[in-house]
Amino acid sequence: MDGLTGLYNSRQFYRVIDEERSRVLRYGQILSLLFIDIDDFKMFNDTYGHPEGDEALARFGKLVKRSLRETDSAFRYGGEEFVVLLPMTGKMAGVQLAERIRSAFAEEKFLPQPEQEVSMSVSVGVAQLRGEETAEAFIKRADSRMYKAKQTGKNRVVFEP
């Protein structure tokens, strides 16, 4: 577990994604993945300090946990990056969840300094596992969608058509 966010860590993510991928292949199920990055987090951290950055990460972790079903799993991938595995969930249902997370976080208000209210945002990439695709390729596709969200303006969800 990641002590700051209350989410699983990246080591656990690699264990769970392999298990979920095996389940998909064995039973013909579906699996979607969200790759999430907090926009401009380094600037926030540099401007307001690490304690405020830690508070933002912790609040984001709680928000994600509240958004998930019991069968879903969320992980702190590293730094300000997060991944969410959605078993038995198609891409469009994954997009809907990603939008809920994105909009809920954009509504969060942070007070890093007295009387200074700050909002933050996330960029999210969504992918659905394709056939016998490797876990690495699956992760890379979701990650590339997240980077496209950042390149096209941030604070958005991008998925493959």
N, C-alpha and C. Protein backbone atom coordinates (compact mmCIF):
# COMPACT_ATOMS: atom_id res chain seq x y z
N MET A 1 0.84 -1.20 0.00
CA MET A 1 0.00 0.00 0.00
C MET A 1 0.88 1.25 0.00
N ASP A 2 0.39 2.27 -0.64
CA ASP A 2 1.04 3.57 -0.61
C ASP A 2 0.50 4.30 0.62
N GLY A 3 1.38 4.64 1.55
CA GLY A 3 0.97 5.24 2.81
C GLY A 3 0.33 6.60 2.67
N LEU A 4 0.71 7.35 1.67
CA LEU A 4 0.19 8.70 1.51
C LEU A 4 -1.23 8.72 0.94
N THR A 5 -1.45 7.95 -0.10
CA THR A 5 -2.74 8.00 -0.80
C THR A 5 -3.74 6.94 -0.33
N GLY A 6 -3.26 5.91 0.34
CA GLY A 6 -4.15 4.83 0.74
C GLY A 6 -4.49 3.88 -0.40
N LEU A 7 -3.84 4.06 -1.54
CA LEU A 7 -4.05 3.18 -2.69
C LEU A 7 -2.93 2.14 -2.72
N TYR A 8 -3.14 1.11 -3.54
CA TYR A 8 -2.08 0.12 -3.72
C TYR A 8 -0.89 0.77 -4.41
N ASN A 9 0.29 0.15 -4.29
CA ASN A 9 1.49 0.68 -4.94
C ASN A 9 1.70 0.01 -6.31
N SER A 10 2.73 0.44 -7.01
CA SER A 10 2.96 -0.05 -8.37
C SER A 10 3.35 -1.53 -8.41
N ARG A 11 4.03 -2.02 -7.38
CA ARG A 11 4.35 -3.46 -7.35
C ARG A 11 3.07 -4.28 -7.36
N GLN A 12 2.11 -3.87 -6.55
CA GLN A 12 0.83 -4.57 -6.51
C GLN A 12 0.10 -4.43 -7.85
N PHE A 13 0.23 -3.29 -8.49
CA PHE A 13 -0.41 -3.09 -9.79
C PHE A 13 0.06 -4.14 -10.79
N TYR A 14 1.37 -4.40 -10.84
CA TYR A 14 1.87 -5.37 -11.81
C TYR A 14 1.40 -6.79 -11.49
N ARG A 15 1.22 -7.09 -10.22
CA ARG A 15 0.66 -8.39 -9.85
C ARG A 15 -0.79 -8.50 -10.30
N VAL A 16 -1.57 -7.47 -9.99
CA VAL A 16 -3.01 -7.51 -10.27
C VAL A 16 -3.29 -7.46 -11.77
N ILE A 17 -2.55 -6.65 -12.51
CA ILE A 17 -2.82 -6.57 -13.95
C ILE A 17 -2.57 -7.92 -14.62
N ASP A 18 -1.55 -8.64 -14.17
CA ASP A 18 -1.30 -9.98 -14.73
C ASP A 18 -2.44 -10.93 -14.40
N GLU A 19 -2.95 -10.87 -13.17
CA GLU A 19 -4.08 -11.72 -12.78
C GLU A 19 -5.33 -11.38 -13.59
N GLU A 20 -5.62 -10.09 -13.72
CA GLU A 20 -6.81 -9.67 -14.46
C GLU A 20 -6.69 -10.01 -15.94
N ARG A 21 -5.52 -9.83 -16.50
CA ARG A 21 -5.30 -10.17 -17.90
C ARG A 21 -5.52 -11.67 -18.13
N SER A 22 -5.03 -12.49 -17.21
CA SER A 22 -5.23 -13.94 -17.31
C SER A 22 -6.72 -14.30 -17.24
N ARG A 23 -7.44 -13.62 -16.37
CA ARG A 23 -8.88 -13.86 -16.24
C ARG A 23 -9.60 -13.50 -17.54
N VAL A 24 -9.21 -12.38 -18.15
CA VAL A 24 -9.81 -11.96 -19.41
C VAL A 24 -9.57 -13.02 -20.48
N LEU A 25 -8.34 -13.49 -20.57
CA LEU A 25 -8.01 -14.49 -21.59
C LEU A 25 -8.72 -15.82 -21.33
N ARG A 26 -8.80 -16.21 -20.07
CA ARG A 26 -9.41 -17.49 -19.71
C ARG A 26 -10.92 -17.50 -19.92
N TYR A 27 -11.59 -16.41 -19.53
CA TYR A 27 -13.05 -16.41 -19.50
C TYR A 27 -13.69 -15.50 -20.55
N GLY A 28 -12.88 -14.86 -21.37
CA GLY A 28 -13.43 -13.99 -22.41
C GLY A 28 -14.07 -12.73 -21.86
N GLN A 29 -13.58 -12.25 -20.74
CA GLN A 29 -14.13 -11.04 -20.14
C GLN A 29 -13.48 -9.80 -20.75
N ILE A 30 -13.85 -8.64 -20.23
CA ILE A 30 -13.26 -7.39 -20.69
C ILE A 30 -12.59 -6.69 -19.52
N LEU A 31 -11.62 -5.82 -19.85
CA LEU A 31 -10.86 -5.11 -18.84
C LEU A 31 -10.46 -3.75 -19.40
N SER A 32 -10.70 -2.72 -18.63
CA SER A 32 -10.26 -1.38 -19.02
C SER A 32 -9.26 -0.83 -18.01
N LEU A 33 -8.47 0.11 -18.46
CA LEU A 33 -7.42 0.71 -17.65
C LEU A 33 -7.48 2.24 -17.79
N LEU A 34 -7.43 2.94 -16.66
CA LEU A 34 -7.30 4.38 -16.66
C LEU A 34 -5.87 4.72 -16.25
N PHE A 35 -5.24 5.61 -16.98
CA PHE A 35 -3.92 6.12 -16.63
C PHE A 35 -4.12 7.60 -16.35
N ILE A 36 -3.84 8.02 -15.11
CA ILE A 36 -4.18 9.37 -14.65
C ILE A 36 -2.93 10.10 -14.18
N ASP A 37 -2.81 11.36 -14.57
CA ASP A 37 -1.71 12.20 -14.12
C ASP A 37 -2.28 13.53 -13.63
N ILE A 38 -1.83 13.98 -12.46
CA ILE A 38 -2.27 15.28 -11.96
C ILE A 38 -1.51 16.36 -12.74
N ASP A 39 -2.28 17.23 -13.38
CA ASP A 39 -1.70 18.27 -14.23
C ASP A 39 -0.90 19.29 -13.42
N ASP A 40 0.25 19.64 -13.94
CA ASP A 40 1.10 20.70 -13.37
C ASP A 40 1.41 20.48 -11.89
N PHE A 41 1.52 19.24 -11.49
CA PHE A 41 1.75 18.94 -10.08
C PHE A 41 3.11 19.47 -9.60
N LYS A 42 4.13 19.34 -10.42
CA LYS A 42 5.46 19.82 -10.01
C LYS A 42 5.42 21.32 -9.72
N MET A 43 4.72 22.08 -10.55
CA MET A 43 4.61 23.52 -10.33
C MET A 43 3.85 23.80 -9.03
N PHE A 44 2.78 23.05 -8.77
CA PHE A 44 2.02 23.21 -7.52
C PHE A 44 2.94 22.93 -6.32
N ASN A 45 3.66 21.82 -6.40
CA ASN A 45 4.58 21.41 -5.33
C ASN A 45 5.68 22.45 -5.12
N ASP A 46 6.26 22.93 -6.22
CA ASP A 46 7.32 23.93 -6.13
C ASP A 46 6.82 25.27 -5.59
N THR A 47 5.58 25.61 -5.94
CA THR A 47 5.01 26.89 -5.52
C THR A 47 4.58 26.88 -4.05
N TYR A 48 3.91 25.81 -3.64
CA TYR A 48 3.28 25.78 -2.31
C TYR A 48 3.98 24.88 -1.31
N GLY A 49 4.90 24.04 -1.76
CA GLY A 49 5.65 23.17 -0.86
C GLY A 49 5.15 21.73 -0.84
N HIS A 50 6.03 20.87 -0.39
CA HIS A 50 5.72 19.43 -0.38
C HIS A 50 4.57 19.05 0.54
N PRO A 51 4.40 19.68 1.71
CA PRO A 51 3.24 19.31 2.53
C PRO A 51 1.91 19.56 1.80
N GLU A 52 1.82 20.64 1.07
CA GLU A 52 0.59 20.92 0.30
C GLU A 52 0.44 19.93 -0.85
N GLY A 53 1.56 19.59 -1.48
CA GLY A 53 1.53 18.58 -2.54
C GLY A 53 1.08 17.24 -2.01
N ASP A 54 1.60 16.87 -0.83
CA ASP A 54 1.19 15.61 -0.21
C ASP A 54 -0.31 15.61 0.11
N GLU A 55 -0.81 16.75 0.57
CA GLU A 55 -2.24 16.87 0.87
C GLU A 55 -3.07 16.67 -0.40
N ALA A 56 -2.62 17.24 -1.51
CA ALA A 56 -3.33 17.07 -2.78
C ALA A 56 -3.33 15.60 -3.21
N LEU A 57 -2.19 14.93 -3.07
CA LEU A 57 -2.11 13.51 -3.44
C LEU A 57 -3.03 12.66 -2.56
N ALA A 58 -3.02 12.94 -1.26
CA ALA A 58 -3.87 12.18 -0.33
C ALA A 58 -5.34 12.39 -0.66
N ARG A 59 -5.74 13.61 -0.93
CA ARG A 59 -7.13 13.89 -1.26
C ARG A 59 -7.53 13.24 -2.58
N PHE A 60 -6.62 13.24 -3.53
CA PHE A 60 -6.92 12.58 -4.80
C PHE A 60 -7.11 11.08 -4.58
N GLY A 61 -6.24 10.46 -3.78
CA GLY A 61 -6.39 9.04 -3.48
C GLY A 61 -7.75 8.72 -2.87
N LYS A 62 -8.19 9.54 -1.93
CA LYS A 62 -9.51 9.33 -1.31
C LYS A 62 -10.63 9.49 -2.32
N LEU A 63 -10.52 10.49 -3.18
CA LEU A 63 -11.53 10.71 -4.20
C LEU A 63 -11.64 9.50 -5.14
N VAL A 64 -10.50 8.98 -5.56
CA VAL A 64 -10.51 7.82 -6.45
C VAL A 64 -11.15 6.63 -5.75
N LYS A 65 -10.76 6.37 -4.50
CA LYS A 65 -11.33 5.23 -3.76
C LYS A 65 -12.85 5.33 -3.66
N ARG A 66 -13.35 6.53 -3.42
CA ARG A 66 -14.81 6.73 -3.31
C ARG A 66 -15.51 6.49 -4.64
N SER A 67 -14.80 6.61 -5.74
CA SER A 67 -15.39 6.53 -7.07
C SER A 67 -15.50 5.10 -7.60
N LEU A 68 -14.83 4.15 -6.96
CA LEU A 68 -14.71 2.81 -7.52
C LEU A 68 -15.73 1.83 -6.98
N ARG A 69 -15.97 0.79 -7.78
CA ARG A 69 -16.76 -0.35 -7.32
C ARG A 69 -15.84 -1.26 -6.52
N GLU A 70 -16.43 -2.20 -5.83
CA GLU A 70 -15.65 -3.13 -5.01
C GLU A 70 -14.68 -3.96 -5.84
N THR A 71 -15.01 -4.24 -7.09
CA THR A 71 -14.17 -5.08 -7.94
C THR A 71 -13.05 -4.31 -8.63
N ASP A 72 -13.10 -2.98 -8.60
CA ASP A 72 -12.08 -2.15 -9.23
C ASP A 72 -10.87 -2.01 -8.31
N SER A 73 -9.72 -1.66 -8.88
CA SER A 73 -8.50 -1.48 -8.10
C SER A 73 -7.79 -0.21 -8.55
N ALA A 74 -7.33 0.57 -7.57
CA ALA A 74 -6.60 1.80 -7.88
C ALA A 74 -5.21 1.74 -7.27
N PHE A 75 -4.25 2.33 -7.98
CA PHE A 75 -2.84 2.23 -7.60
C PHE A 75 -2.15 3.57 -7.82
N ARG A 76 -1.22 3.88 -6.92
CA ARG A 76 -0.33 5.01 -7.18
C ARG A 76 0.81 4.43 -7.99
N TYR A 77 0.89 4.84 -9.24
CA TYR A 77 1.87 4.30 -10.17
C TYR A 77 3.25 4.86 -9.89
N GLY A 78 3.28 6.13 -9.51
CA GLY A 78 4.54 6.79 -9.18
C GLY A 78 4.33 8.29 -9.17
N GLY A 79 4.92 8.99 -8.23
CA GLY A 79 4.79 10.44 -8.17
C GLY A 79 3.35 10.87 -8.16
N GLU A 80 2.95 11.57 -9.21
CA GLU A 80 1.57 12.04 -9.32
C GLU A 80 0.80 11.28 -10.40
N GLU A 81 1.25 10.08 -10.71
CA GLU A 81 0.58 9.23 -11.69
C GLU A 81 -0.14 8.08 -10.98
N PHE A 82 -1.33 7.77 -11.50
CA PHE A 82 -2.18 6.75 -10.91
C PHE A 82 -2.74 5.89 -12.03
N VAL A 83 -3.05 4.63 -11.69
CA VAL A 83 -3.72 3.75 -12.64
C VAL A 83 -4.90 3.09 -11.92
N VAL A 84 -5.93 2.81 -12.71
CA VAL A 84 -7.12 2.17 -12.19
C VAL A 84 -7.47 1.01 -13.12
N LEU A 85 -7.62 -0.18 -12.56
CA LEU A 85 -8.03 -1.36 -13.33
C LEU A 85 -9.53 -1.58 -13.12
N LEU A 86 -10.23 -1.76 -14.23
CA LEU A 86 -11.68 -1.90 -14.21
C LEU A 86 -12.10 -3.23 -14.85
N PRO A 87 -12.17 -4.31 -14.05
CA PRO A 87 -12.60 -5.60 -14.60
C PRO A 87 -14.06 -5.53 -15.04
N MET A 88 -14.37 -6.32 -16.05
CA MET A 88 -15.75 -6.42 -16.55
C MET A 88 -16.30 -5.04 -16.94
N THR A 89 -15.41 -4.21 -17.48
CA THR A 89 -15.78 -2.84 -17.84
C THR A 89 -15.25 -2.52 -19.22
N GLY A 90 -16.14 -2.13 -20.10
CA GLY A 90 -15.75 -1.72 -21.44
C GLY A 90 -15.18 -0.32 -21.44
N LYS A 91 -14.62 0.04 -22.57
CA LYS A 91 -13.94 1.33 -22.71
C LYS A 91 -14.87 2.51 -22.39
N MET A 92 -16.10 2.49 -22.90
CA MET A 92 -16.98 3.65 -22.70
C MET A 92 -17.41 3.79 -21.25
N ALA A 93 -17.61 2.68 -20.55
CA ALA A 93 -17.89 2.77 -19.11
C ALA A 93 -16.66 3.28 -18.37
N GLY A 94 -15.48 2.91 -18.84
CA GLY A 94 -14.24 3.44 -18.28
C GLY A 94 -14.13 4.94 -18.50
N VAL A 95 -14.53 5.40 -19.67
CA VAL A 95 -14.52 6.83 -19.98
C VAL A 95 -15.47 7.57 -19.03
N GLN A 96 -16.64 7.00 -18.77
CA GLN A 96 -17.60 7.64 -17.86
C GLN A 96 -17.00 7.78 -16.46
N LEU A 97 -16.37 6.73 -15.97
CA LEU A 97 -15.74 6.80 -14.65
C LEU A 97 -14.60 7.83 -14.66
N ALA A 98 -13.80 7.83 -15.70
CA ALA A 98 -12.70 8.78 -15.81
C ALA A 98 -13.23 10.21 -15.78
N GLU A 99 -14.32 10.47 -16.46
CA GLU A 99 -14.93 11.81 -16.46
C GLU A 99 -15.43 12.18 -15.07
N ARG A 100 -16.01 11.23 -14.35
CA ARG A 100 -16.47 11.52 -12.98
C ARG A 100 -15.28 11.89 -12.09
N ILE A 101 -14.20 11.13 -12.20
CA ILE A 101 -13.00 11.42 -11.40
C ILE A 101 -12.43 12.77 -11.79
N ARG A 102 -12.31 13.01 -13.10
CA ARG A 102 -11.75 14.27 -13.58
C ARG A 102 -12.56 15.47 -13.09
N SER A 103 -13.87 15.41 -13.25
CA SER A 103 -14.70 16.56 -12.86
C SER A 103 -14.75 16.74 -11.34
N ALA A 104 -14.78 15.64 -10.60
CA ALA A 104 -14.80 15.74 -9.13
C ALA A 104 -13.51 16.37 -8.61
N PHE A 105 -12.36 16.00 -9.19
CA PHE A 105 -11.10 16.57 -8.73
C PHE A 105 -11.00 18.05 -9.12
N ALA A 106 -11.51 18.41 -10.29
CA ALA A 106 -11.49 19.81 -10.71
C ALA A 106 -12.32 20.68 -9.76
N GLU A 107 -13.31 20.10 -9.10
CA GLU A 107 -14.16 20.84 -8.16
C GLU A 107 -13.55 20.96 -6.76
N GLU A 108 -12.53 20.14 -6.48
CA GLU A 108 -11.86 20.20 -5.17
C GLU A 108 -11.18 21.57 -5.03
N LYS A 109 -11.26 22.13 -3.86
CA LYS A 109 -10.61 23.41 -3.59
C LYS A 109 -9.50 23.21 -2.57
N PHE A 110 -8.33 23.73 -2.89
CA PHE A 110 -7.18 23.64 -2.01
C PHE A 110 -6.86 25.04 -1.50
N LEU A 111 -6.43 25.11 -0.25
CA LEU A 111 -6.05 26.39 0.37
C LEU A 111 -4.58 26.33 0.78
N PRO A 112 -3.67 26.40 -0.19
CA PRO A 112 -2.25 26.26 0.13
C PRO A 112 -1.69 27.44 0.93
N GLN A 113 -2.36 28.57 0.84
CA GLN A 113 -1.97 29.76 1.60
C GLN A 113 -3.27 30.42 2.06
N PRO A 114 -3.24 31.12 3.18
CA PRO A 114 -4.46 31.75 3.68
C PRO A 114 -5.15 32.59 2.60
N GLU A 115 -6.42 32.36 2.47
CA GLU A 115 -7.28 33.11 1.53
C GLU A 115 -6.85 32.97 0.07
N GLN A 116 -6.18 31.87 -0.26
CA GLN A 116 -5.82 31.61 -1.65
C GLN A 116 -6.36 30.25 -2.05
N GLU A 117 -7.47 30.26 -2.73
CA GLU A 117 -8.12 29.02 -3.17
C GLU A 117 -7.55 28.60 -4.52
N VAL A 118 -7.15 27.34 -4.62
CA VAL A 118 -6.54 26.82 -5.84
C VAL A 118 -7.29 25.56 -6.25
N SER A 119 -7.50 25.41 -7.56
CA SER A 119 -8.07 24.19 -8.12
C SER A 119 -6.97 23.45 -8.88
N MET A 120 -7.15 22.15 -9.02
CA MET A 120 -6.20 21.34 -9.77
C MET A 120 -6.99 20.51 -10.77
N SER A 121 -6.28 19.86 -11.68
CA SER A 121 -6.96 19.03 -12.68
C SER A 121 -6.12 17.78 -12.95
N VAL A 122 -6.74 16.85 -13.66
CA VAL A 122 -6.05 15.63 -14.07
C VAL A 122 -6.29 15.39 -15.56
N SER A 123 -5.34 14.71 -16.17
CA SER A 123 -5.46 14.22 -17.54
C SER A 123 -5.54 12.70 -17.45
N VAL A 124 -6.47 12.12 -18.22
CA VAL A 124 -6.71 10.68 -18.11
C VAL A 124 -6.70 10.03 -19.49
N GLY A 125 -6.00 8.91 -19.58
CA GLY A 125 -6.03 8.07 -20.77
C GLY A 125 -6.79 6.80 -20.44
N VAL A 126 -7.63 6.35 -21.37
CA VAL A 126 -8.44 5.15 -21.17
C VAL A 126 -8.16 4.16 -22.29
N ALA A 127 -7.97 2.89 -21.92
CA ALA A 127 -7.77 1.83 -22.91
C ALA A 127 -8.50 0.59 -22.45
N GLN A 128 -8.93 -0.22 -23.41
CA GLN A 128 -9.53 -1.52 -23.14
C GLN A 128 -8.59 -2.59 -23.69
N LEU A 129 -8.35 -3.64 -22.91
CA LEU A 129 -7.45 -4.71 -23.32
C LEU A 129 -7.91 -5.29 -24.65
N ARG A 130 -6.95 -5.49 -25.56
CA ARG A 130 -7.23 -6.05 -26.88
C ARG A 130 -6.72 -7.47 -26.97
N GLY A 131 -7.61 -8.41 -27.18
CA GLY A 131 -7.22 -9.79 -27.42
C GLY A 131 -6.17 -10.30 -26.46
N GLU A 132 -5.08 -10.81 -27.00
CA GLU A 132 -4.00 -11.36 -26.19
C GLU A 132 -2.86 -10.37 -26.00
N GLU A 133 -3.16 -9.11 -26.07
CA GLU A 133 -2.17 -8.04 -25.89
C GLU A 133 -1.43 -8.22 -24.56
N THR A 134 -0.14 -7.91 -24.57
CA THR A 134 0.64 -8.00 -23.33
C THR A 134 0.23 -6.89 -22.37
N ALA A 135 0.52 -7.11 -21.10
CA ALA A 135 0.24 -6.08 -20.10
C ALA A 135 1.01 -4.81 -20.43
N GLU A 136 2.25 -4.95 -20.88
CA GLU A 136 3.08 -3.80 -21.20
C GLU A 136 2.48 -2.96 -22.32
N ALA A 137 1.98 -3.63 -23.35
CA ALA A 137 1.36 -2.91 -24.48
C ALA A 137 0.07 -2.22 -24.04
N PHE A 138 -0.70 -2.88 -23.21
CA PHE A 138 -1.94 -2.33 -22.67
C PHE A 138 -1.66 -1.06 -21.86
N ILE A 139 -0.69 -1.14 -20.98
CA ILE A 139 -0.31 0.02 -20.15
C ILE A 139 0.19 1.15 -21.05
N LYS A 140 0.99 0.81 -22.03
CA LYS A 140 1.55 1.82 -22.92
C LYS A 140 0.45 2.55 -23.69
N ARG A 141 -0.58 1.83 -24.13
CA ARG A 141 -1.68 2.48 -24.85
C ARG A 141 -2.43 3.46 -23.96
N ALA A 142 -2.72 3.05 -22.72
CA ALA A 142 -3.42 3.96 -21.80
C ALA A 142 -2.54 5.17 -21.48
N ASP A 143 -1.25 4.93 -21.27
CA ASP A 143 -0.30 6.01 -20.98
C ASP A 143 -0.22 6.98 -22.16
N SER A 144 -0.19 6.47 -23.37
CA SER A 144 -0.10 7.36 -24.54
C SER A 144 -1.36 8.20 -24.69
N ARG A 145 -2.51 7.65 -24.32
CA ARG A 145 -3.77 8.43 -24.34
C ARG A 145 -3.70 9.54 -23.29
N MET A 146 -3.10 9.25 -22.14
CA MET A 146 -2.97 10.27 -21.10
C MET A 146 -2.06 11.40 -21.60
N TYR A 147 -0.97 11.05 -22.27
CA TYR A 147 -0.09 12.09 -22.81
C TYR A 147 -0.80 12.91 -23.88
N LYS A 148 -1.64 12.27 -24.65
CA LYS A 148 -2.42 13.02 -25.65
C LYS A 148 -3.36 14.00 -24.95
N ALA A 149 -3.95 13.59 -23.83
CA ALA A 149 -4.81 14.51 -23.06
C ALA A 149 -4.01 15.72 -22.60
N LYS A 150 -2.79 15.50 -22.17
CA LYS A 150 -1.93 16.61 -21.73
C LYS A 150 -1.58 17.52 -22.91
N GLN A 151 -1.23 16.90 -24.04
CA GLN A 151 -0.82 17.67 -25.21
C GLN A 151 -1.96 18.48 -25.83
N THR A 152 -3.18 18.05 -25.60
CA THR A 152 -4.33 18.74 -26.21
C THR A 152 -5.06 19.64 -25.22
N GLY A 153 -4.39 20.02 -24.13
CA GLY A 153 -4.97 21.03 -23.25
C GLY A 153 -5.11 20.65 -21.80
N LYS A 154 -4.84 19.43 -21.43
CA LYS A 154 -4.96 18.98 -20.03
C LYS A 154 -6.42 19.01 -19.56
N ASN A 155 -6.64 18.51 -18.34
CA ASN A 155 -7.98 18.47 -17.74
C ASN A 155 -8.99 17.82 -18.68
N ARG A 156 -8.61 16.67 -19.22
CA ARG A 156 -9.51 15.97 -20.14
C ARG A 156 -9.24 14.47 -20.12
N VAL A 157 -10.18 13.75 -20.71
CA VAL A 157 -10.10 12.31 -20.84
C VAL A 157 -9.95 11.98 -22.33
N VAL A 158 -8.97 11.15 -22.66
CA VAL A 158 -8.75 10.75 -24.05
C VAL A 158 -8.78 9.23 -24.12
N PHE A 159 -9.45 8.73 -25.16
CA PHE A 159 -9.54 7.28 -25.37
C PHE A 159 -9.42 7.01 -26.85
N GLU A 160 -9.16 5.76 -27.18
CA GLU A 160 -9.07 5.38 -28.59
C GLU A 160 -10.47 5.14 -29.12
N PRO A 161 -10.71 5.56 -30.35
CA PRO A 161 -12.05 5.34 -30.95
C PRO A 161 -12.35 3.87 -31.14
